[in-house]
Amino acid sequence: MPPLLPTEKDAADLRQHQASPPVAEPVEPSSWKRRALGLVAVGLVACYGIAHLSPCHTRLDPVEQVLQLQPLTDGHNDFAEFIRSYYNNHIYQSNFSDKIELPGQVDSPRLEKGRVRGQFWSVYVACNESSPSPNYEYIHDTLQQIDLIHRLATLYPEHLALVPNTTAFHHTFKASPTRIASFLGIEGLHQIGSSASALRLYHSLGVRYATLTGFCHNEYADSASPAHPLHNGLSSAGRHMVLEMNRLGMAVDLAHVSVKTMHDTLDTTKAPVIFSHSSAYALCNHPRNVPDDILRRLAENGGVVMITFFPEYTRCDSDSDNSDEPEPKSDGATLSDVADHIQYVGEMIGYKHVGLGSDFDGMGSAVRGLEDVSKYPDLIRELLRRGVGVRDVAGVIGGNVLRVMADVEDVAVEMVKEGVKPLED
């Protein structure tokens, strides 16, 4: 079994460390080659389009152009938690199959219709609001869902490929255009049981981002949800954990955290950060969304905010500034509202800092027009209709978050070369 973490001696091989099974074979990259993959894809599109079209003779539909440029990659999907809840984690019985439509918002036929080619599968475990202290059941529940995604990838290798890094991610998109290149993400540091060792174990199993909090405060950071802060932002332990995530090559996710935690993290991190499923506070003043001052700092950091489709974070009552709690208008939220959030952030700080983080299978209802994973092409078409450029839209649907993840990987390699040691419990 390979070591969980690279040493200074083999820092250059960090990108070759990969989770099992099944893993797309990465191509040994230099940094500039990896960053050029997107440009290579652009060149291929110019003559090759989709498989059933004759090269260089058929003009592609603009939506198809976008889908050929970058793998459509969603930053947050709760399929694993849905299976755990609805099917008791059982995937080998007759009522679960890659050929049938499942009761939720995600399944193989609809993923294919939606042209999804990349996914961060969220590993969600509910936290205890009454206590930030460690609960080791969280580790059990986390590993159970990680194992579920691994078993799904083994059962359906024609659909899913767990990949170790962005090089393999792009390679899968180019070599196996019907497979979904997959990373994992945990939704709160309560899931590590107060242990950096658990975080490193998760990384070895394919986890490539960690949200600092869920809906509760924990020992590392304050969440956006409780009324009163616990640490007034990041705790001292939280600052150390952010740097450990930087060293590992695990993206820091600021969805769910308080504004003070956002500021503290941006002051601490050596790598770009993500918001895996949040939207613009200026358009919907829900505490789960990102205020303008943080958006500006995010641009300076080089990170990305992945706009969520969660109805309550998409459309809020216009008078909610006058009350303590915003009033969600989930019954009225539409695809157009989601496009508004994308356009707002893109025009404020640049489209290169925008992505998609739907939260499918993690919400009881959906916005009209984006009811399930089959609907992404409709959102692409709406953005193009509004005049957002093809390359900007291609960045939004996947190119931007993959650029950020490549930067996160680069920071990890440099920190290992500099001799930064693992955080000890």
Foldseek 3Di string as FASTA:
>chain_A
DDDLADFLVVLLCLQVQFADPPAFHFDNDDLVVLVCLLVVLLVCCCFPQDDVDHGPPDDDDLLSSLCSRAAQEALEEAPLVLCCVVVVLDQPDPLHDQVDDDPFFDGNVLLQLLQHAEYAYEQEDDDDQVDQAADQVLQVSSVSSLVSVNVVCVVCVLAEHEYLALRSSSVCCVPRVRYYYYAYEYEAPSSQRPFVVSVSVVSSSGHQEYEHHHLHDHQAAAFLHDPDGDCQAGDPVNLLVLVLSLLSLHAYEHQGGAPSNLVVSLVRHPAQHEHNEEFECVAPVARRHDYPVSLQSNLVRLAAYAYEQAQQRQHWDPPQVVDPHTHTPSVAAALVSSLVRLVVSCVSRHLLRAAHHYHTVNYPAGHHQPGHSSRNSVSLVVNVVVPDDSVSSSSHSGVNNSVRSSRSSVSNSVCSVVVDDRDGD
